[in-house]
């Protein structure tokens, strides 16, 4: 099973400027992360954008949706900032893309900080996208959530179900 990984930016790919203390985007860290994780499944990486999810607009979400519809792979992972990940998942879920399993994932701490949850979340997303039925999901911190039953708890720094199943 080939997997398409769509990059949108978010904390996964942020860099730290040591001179002024700001976070910024340069290049995606996904190839390095996949190599370190010894990923052994076929994949294609495609960068759609490199933005903070707080800057994401409906136009950006349409770009993501259009690309999910047109990629040949039926398994799609989207790296995304956590602040608005649930909004993009909802846009994709409501579009009811037939026959594709789409998993959004991200990180609370930038990968380059060394203590990031990004590697674990990426590994989880890779497993979930290969094993779940068609639909849209969010994979964070070892858990998987349906697009219509998730929210980010900003106080706790975790994703939670809206209603327990």
C-alpha atoms as a PDB file:
ATOM      1  CA  UNK A   1       0.000   0.000   0.000  1.00  0.00           C
ATOM      2  CA  UNK A   2       1.491   3.325  -1.067  1.00  0.00           C
ATOM      3  CA  UNK A   3       0.868   6.326   1.163  1.00  0.00           C
ATOM      4  CA  UNK A   4       0.698   9.960   0.105  1.00  0.00           C
ATOM      5  CA  UNK A   5       1.955  12.389   2.750  1.00  0.00           C
ATOM      6  CA  UNK A   6       0.748  15.951   2.279  1.00  0.00           C
ATOM      7  CA  UNK A   7       2.705  18.620   4.145  1.00  0.00           C
ATOM      8  CA  UNK A   8       0.934  21.789   5.287  1.00  0.00           C
ATOM      9  CA  UNK A   9       3.394  23.107   7.887  1.00  0.00           C
ATOM     10  CA  UNK A  10       2.420  23.383  11.511  1.00  0.00           C
ATOM     11  CA  UNK A  11       4.618  22.758  14.527  1.00  0.00           C
ATOM     12  CA  UNK A  12       6.039  19.595  12.906  1.00  0.00           C
ATOM     13  CA  UNK A  13       8.145  21.679  10.570  1.00  0.00           C
ATOM     14  CA  UNK A  14       8.956  24.780  12.601  1.00  0.00           C
ATOM     15  CA  UNK A  15      12.555  25.860  13.111  1.00  0.00           C
ATOM     16  CA  UNK A  16      13.896  27.968  15.974  1.00  0.00           C
ATOM     17  CA  UNK A  17      15.807  31.181  15.291  1.00  0.00           C
ATOM     18  CA  UNK A  18      18.419  31.314  18.048  1.00  0.00           C
ATOM     19  CA  UNK A  19      19.105  35.008  17.450  1.00  0.00           C
ATOM     20  CA  UNK A  20      15.620  36.408  17.986  1.00  0.00           C
ATOM     21  CA  UNK A  21      13.759  33.461  19.536  1.00  0.00           C
ATOM     22  CA  UNK A  22      11.129  33.200  16.801  1.00  0.00           C
ATOM     23  CA  UNK A  23       9.795  30.096  15.109  1.00  0.00           C
ATOM     24  CA  UNK A  24       9.800  29.938  11.314  1.00  0.00           C
ATOM     25  CA  UNK A  25       9.491  27.534   8.378  1.00  0.00           C
ATOM     26  CA  UNK A  26      12.334  26.447   6.138  1.00  0.00           C
ATOM     27  CA  UNK A  27      11.950  22.886   4.791  1.00  0.00           C
ATOM     28  CA  UNK A  28       9.903  19.917   5.896  1.00  0.00           C
ATOM     29  CA  UNK A  29      11.524  17.507   8.342  1.00  0.00           C
ATOM     30  CA  UNK A  30       9.439  14.557   7.138  1.00  0.00           C
ATOM     31  CA  UNK A  31      12.135  12.804   5.056  1.00  0.00           C
ATOM     32  CA  UNK A  32      14.492  12.862   8.055  1.00  0.00           C
ATOM     33  CA  UNK A  33      11.750  11.692  10.411  1.00  0.00           C
ATOM     34  CA  UNK A  34      10.794   8.792   8.134  1.00  0.00           C
ATOM     35  CA  UNK A  35      14.445   7.808   7.790  1.00  0.00           C
ATOM     36  CA  UNK A  36      15.005   7.920  11.569  1.00  0.00           C
ATOM     37  CA  UNK A  37      11.845   5.879  12.090  1.00  0.00           C
ATOM     38  CA  UNK A  38      13.130   3.360   9.527  1.00  0.00           C
ATOM     39  CA  UNK A  39       9.872   3.606   7.623  1.00  0.00           C
ATOM     40  CA  UNK A  40       9.564   0.644   5.308  1.00  0.00           C
ATOM     41  CA  UNK A  41       6.311   1.395   3.480  1.00  0.00           C
ATOM     42  CA  UNK A  42       6.197   3.069   0.072  1.00  0.00           C
ATOM     43  CA  UNK A  43       5.293   6.743   0.332  1.00  0.00           C
ATOM     44  CA  UNK A  44       5.313   9.981  -1.632  1.00  0.00           C
ATOM     45  CA  UNK A  45       5.820  13.315   0.139  1.00  0.00           C
ATOM     46  CA  UNK A  46       4.255  16.441  -1.302  1.00  0.00           C
ATOM     47  CA  UNK A  47       4.480  19.904   0.222  1.00  0.00           C
ATOM     48  CA  UNK A  48       1.231  21.836  -0.289  1.00  0.00           C
ATOM     49  CA  UNK A  49       2.120  24.773   1.957  1.00  0.00           C
ATOM     50  CA  UNK A  50       4.277  25.646   4.954  1.00  0.00           C
ATOM     51  CA  UNK A  51       2.092  27.716   7.262  1.00  0.00           C
ATOM     52  CA  UNK A  52       0.974  27.916  10.848  1.00  0.00           C
ATOM     53  CA  UNK A  53      -2.516  26.446  11.091  1.00  0.00           C
ATOM     54  CA  UNK A  54      -3.755  29.662  12.745  1.00  0.00           C
ATOM     55  CA  UNK A  55      -3.061  31.318   9.367  1.00  0.00           C
ATOM     56  CA  UNK A  56      -4.952  28.646   7.426  1.00  0.00           C
ATOM     57  CA  UNK A  57      -7.965  29.884   5.471  1.00  0.00           C
ATOM     58  CA  UNK A  58     -10.852  28.186   3.700  1.00  0.00           C
ATOM     59  CA  UNK A  59      -8.858  28.589   0.484  1.00  0.00           C
ATOM     60  CA  UNK A  60      -5.980  26.581   2.002  1.00  0.00           C
ATOM     61  CA  UNK A  61      -8.432  23.908   3.156  1.00  0.00           C
ATOM     62  CA  UNK A  62      -9.874  23.726  -0.364  1.00  0.00           C
ATOM     63  CA  UNK A  63      -6.361  23.142  -1.705  1.00  0.00           C
ATOM     64  CA  UNK A  64      -5.936  20.264   0.758  1.00  0.00           C
ATOM     65  CA  UNK A  65      -9.368  18.843  -0.111  1.00  0.00           C
ATOM     66  CA  UNK A  66      -8.751  19.071  -3.864  1.00  0.00           C
ATOM     67  CA  UNK A  67      -5.412  17.307  -3.497  1.00  0.00           C
ATOM     68  CA  UNK A  68      -6.892  14.534  -1.345  1.00  0.00           C
ATOM     69  CA  UNK A  69      -9.457  13.934  -4.075  1.00  0.00           C
ATOM     70  CA  UNK A  70      -6.917  13.798  -6.898  1.00  0.00           C
ATOM     71  CA  UNK A  71      -4.005  11.786  -5.480  1.00  0.00           C
ATOM     72  CA  UNK A  72      -3.911   8.230  -6.778  1.00  0.00           C
ATOM     73  CA  UNK A  73      -3.206   6.729  -3.352  1.00  0.00           C
ATOM     74  CA  UNK A  74      -6.116   5.645  -1.145  1.00  0.00           C
ATOM     75  CA  UNK A  75      -4.074   6.232   2.023  1.00  0.00           C
ATOM     76  CA  UNK A  76      -3.289   9.879   2.797  1.00  0.00           C
ATOM     77  CA  UNK A  77      -1.521  11.458   5.774  1.00  0.00           C
ATOM     78  CA  UNK A  78      -1.681  15.208   6.262  1.00  0.00           C
ATOM     79  CA  UNK A  79       0.772  16.941   8.577  1.00  0.00           C
ATOM     80  CA  UNK A  80      -0.998  19.914  10.085  1.00  0.00           C
ATOM     81  CA  UNK A  81      -0.776  22.425  12.890  1.00  0.00           C
ATOM     82  CA  UNK A  82      -2.758  21.346  15.928  1.00  0.00           C
ATOM     83  CA  UNK A  83      -4.584  24.634  16.548  1.00  0.00           C
ATOM     84  CA  UNK A  84      -6.989  24.194  13.623  1.00  0.00           C
ATOM     85  CA  UNK A  85      -6.466  20.537  12.719  1.00  0.00           C
ATOM     86  CA  UNK A  86     -10.025  19.649  13.745  1.00  0.00           C
ATOM     87  CA  UNK A  87     -11.406  22.326  11.362  1.00  0.00           C
ATOM     88  CA  UNK A  88      -9.549  20.857   8.387  1.00  0.00           C
ATOM     89  CA  UNK A  89     -10.603  17.341   9.409  1.00  0.00           C
ATOM     90  CA  UNK A  90     -14.215  18.526   9.491  1.00  0.00           C
ATOM     91  CA  UNK A  91     -13.925  20.114   6.022  1.00  0.00           C
ATOM     92  CA  UNK A  92     -12.523  16.857   4.635  1.00  0.00           C
ATOM     93  CA  UNK A  93     -15.021  14.680   6.503  1.00  0.00           C
ATOM     94  CA  UNK A  94     -18.017  16.682   5.329  1.00  0.00           C
ATOM     95  CA  UNK A  95     -16.762  16.392   1.739  1.00  0.00           C
ATOM     96  CA  UNK A  96     -17.214  12.591   2.020  1.00  0.00           C
ATOM     97  CA  UNK A  97     -14.265  11.581  -0.147  1.00  0.00           C
ATOM     98  CA  UNK A  98     -15.053   8.040  -1.325  1.00  0.00           C
ATOM     99  CA  UNK A  99     -12.659   5.160  -0.793  1.00  0.00           C
ATOM    100  CA  UNK A 100      -9.806   7.016   0.922  1.00  0.00           C
ATOM    101  CA  UNK A 101      -8.434   6.819   4.420  1.00  0.00           C
ATOM    102  CA  UNK A 102      -7.150  10.248   5.455  1.00  0.00           C
ATOM    103  CA  UNK A 103      -5.274  10.772   8.714  1.00  0.00           C
ATOM    104  CA  UNK A 104      -4.235  14.195   9.975  1.00  0.00           C
ATOM    105  CA  UNK A 105      -1.415  14.419  12.487  1.00  0.00           C
ATOM    106  CA  UNK A 106       0.847  17.018  13.997  1.00  0.00           C
ATOM    107  CA  UNK A 107       3.027  17.859  16.961  1.00  0.00           C
ATOM    108  CA  UNK A 108       2.692  19.979  20.059  1.00  0.00           C
ATOM    109  CA  UNK A 109       6.460  20.568  20.154  1.00  0.00           C
ATOM    110  CA  UNK A 110       8.597  21.209  17.032  1.00  0.00           C
ATOM    111  CA  UNK A 111      10.541  18.179  15.821  1.00  0.00           C
ATOM    112  CA  UNK A 112      13.821  20.112  15.904  1.00  0.00           C
ATOM    113  CA  UNK A 113      13.448  20.690  19.668  1.00  0.00           C
ATOM    114  CA  UNK A 114      14.385  17.031  20.237  1.00  0.00           C
ATOM    115  CA  UNK A 115      11.621  16.353  22.775  1.00  0.00           C
ATOM    116  CA  UNK A 116       8.876  16.461  20.172  1.00  0.00           C
ATOM    117  CA  UNK A 117       5.906  14.153  20.050  1.00  0.00           C
ATOM    118  CA  UNK A 118       6.121  14.392  16.258  1.00  0.00           C
ATOM    119  CA  UNK A 119       7.942  11.101  15.591  1.00  0.00           C
ATOM    120  CA  UNK A 120       5.466   9.155  17.706  1.00  0.00           C
ATOM    121  CA  UNK A 121       2.469  10.875  16.081  1.00  0.00           C
ATOM    122  CA  UNK A 122       3.843  10.275  12.588  1.00  0.00           C
ATOM    123  CA  UNK A 123       4.407   6.592  13.368  1.00  0.00           C
ATOM    124  CA  UNK A 124       0.872   6.310  14.723  1.00  0.00           C
ATOM    125  CA  UNK A 125      -0.544   8.011  11.626  1.00  0.00           C
ATOM    126  CA  UNK A 126       1.345   5.579   9.387  1.00  0.00           C
ATOM    127  CA  UNK A 127      -0.152   2.619  11.256  1.00  0.00           C
ATOM    128  CA  UNK A 128      -3.679   4.064  11.373  1.00  0.00           C
ATOM    129  CA  UNK A 129      -3.786   5.016   7.676  1.00  0.00           C
ATOM    130  CA  UNK A 130      -2.970   1.410   6.758  1.00  0.00           C
ATOM    131  CA  UNK A 131      -5.445  -0.235   9.102  1.00  0.00           C
ATOM    132  CA  UNK A 132      -8.551   1.970   9.350  1.00  0.00           C
ATOM    133  CA  UNK A 133     -11.488   1.900   6.930  1.00  0.00           C
ATOM    134  CA  UNK A 134     -12.065   4.785   4.542  1.00  0.00           C
ATOM    135  CA  UNK A 135     -12.823   8.022   6.363  1.00  0.00           C
ATOM    136  CA  UNK A 136     -11.137  11.027   7.965  1.00  0.00           C
ATOM    137  CA  UNK A 137      -9.286  10.784  11.264  1.00  0.00           C
ATOM    138  CA  UNK A 138      -6.926  12.667  13.565  1.00  0.00           C
ATOM    139  CA  UNK A 139      -4.000  10.740  15.089  1.00  0.00           C
ATOM    140  CA  UNK A 140      -2.383  12.362  18.115  1.00  0.00           C
ATOM    141  CA  UNK A 141      -0.516  10.955  21.116  1.00  0.00           C
ATOM    142  CA  UNK A 142      -1.326   7.309  20.385  1.00  0.00           C
ATOM    143  CA  UNK A 143      -5.033   7.901  19.926  1.00  0.00           C
ATOM    144  CA  UNK A 144      -7.168   8.062  16.835  1.00  0.00           C
ATOM    145  CA  UNK A 145     -10.308  10.193  16.560  1.00  0.00           C
ATOM    146  CA  UNK A 146     -13.044  10.391  13.945  1.00  0.00           C
ATOM    147  CA  UNK A 147     -13.269  13.797  12.282  1.00  0.00           C
ATOM    148  CA  UNK A 148     -16.704  14.456  13.785  1.00  0.00           C
ATOM    149  CA  UNK A 149     -15.828  13.462  17.342  1.00  0.00           C
ATOM    150  CA  UNK A 150     -12.711  15.397  18.292  1.00  0.00           C
ATOM    151  CA  UNK A 151     -11.593  18.674  19.803  1.00  0.00           C
ATOM    152  CA  UNK A 152      -8.304  20.077  21.000  1.00  0.00           C
ATOM    153  CA  UNK A 153      -8.260  20.691  24.745  1.00  0.00           C
ATOM    154  CA  UNK A 154      -5.962  23.713  24.763  1.00  0.00           C
ATOM    155  CA  UNK A 155      -5.607  23.746  28.545  1.00  0.00           C
ATOM    156  CA  UNK A 156      -4.416  20.141  28.708  1.00  0.00           C
ATOM    157  CA  UNK A 157      -2.568  20.176  25.369  1.00  0.00           C
ATOM    158  CA  UNK A 158      -4.398  17.028  24.235  1.00  0.00           C
ATOM    159  CA  UNK A 159      -7.012  15.956  21.744  1.00  0.00           C
ATOM    160  CA  UNK A 160     -10.188  14.515  23.235  1.00  0.00           C
ATOM    161  CA  UNK A 161     -13.388  12.922  22.044  1.00  0.00           C
ATOM    162  CA  UNK A 162     -16.432  15.169  22.039  1.00  0.00           C
ATOM    163  CA  UNK A 163     -18.500  12.262  23.262  1.00  0.00           C
ATOM    164  CA  UNK A 164     -17.177   8.993  24.641  1.00  0.00           C
ATOM    165  CA  UNK A 165     -18.008   6.023  22.443  1.00  0.00           C
END
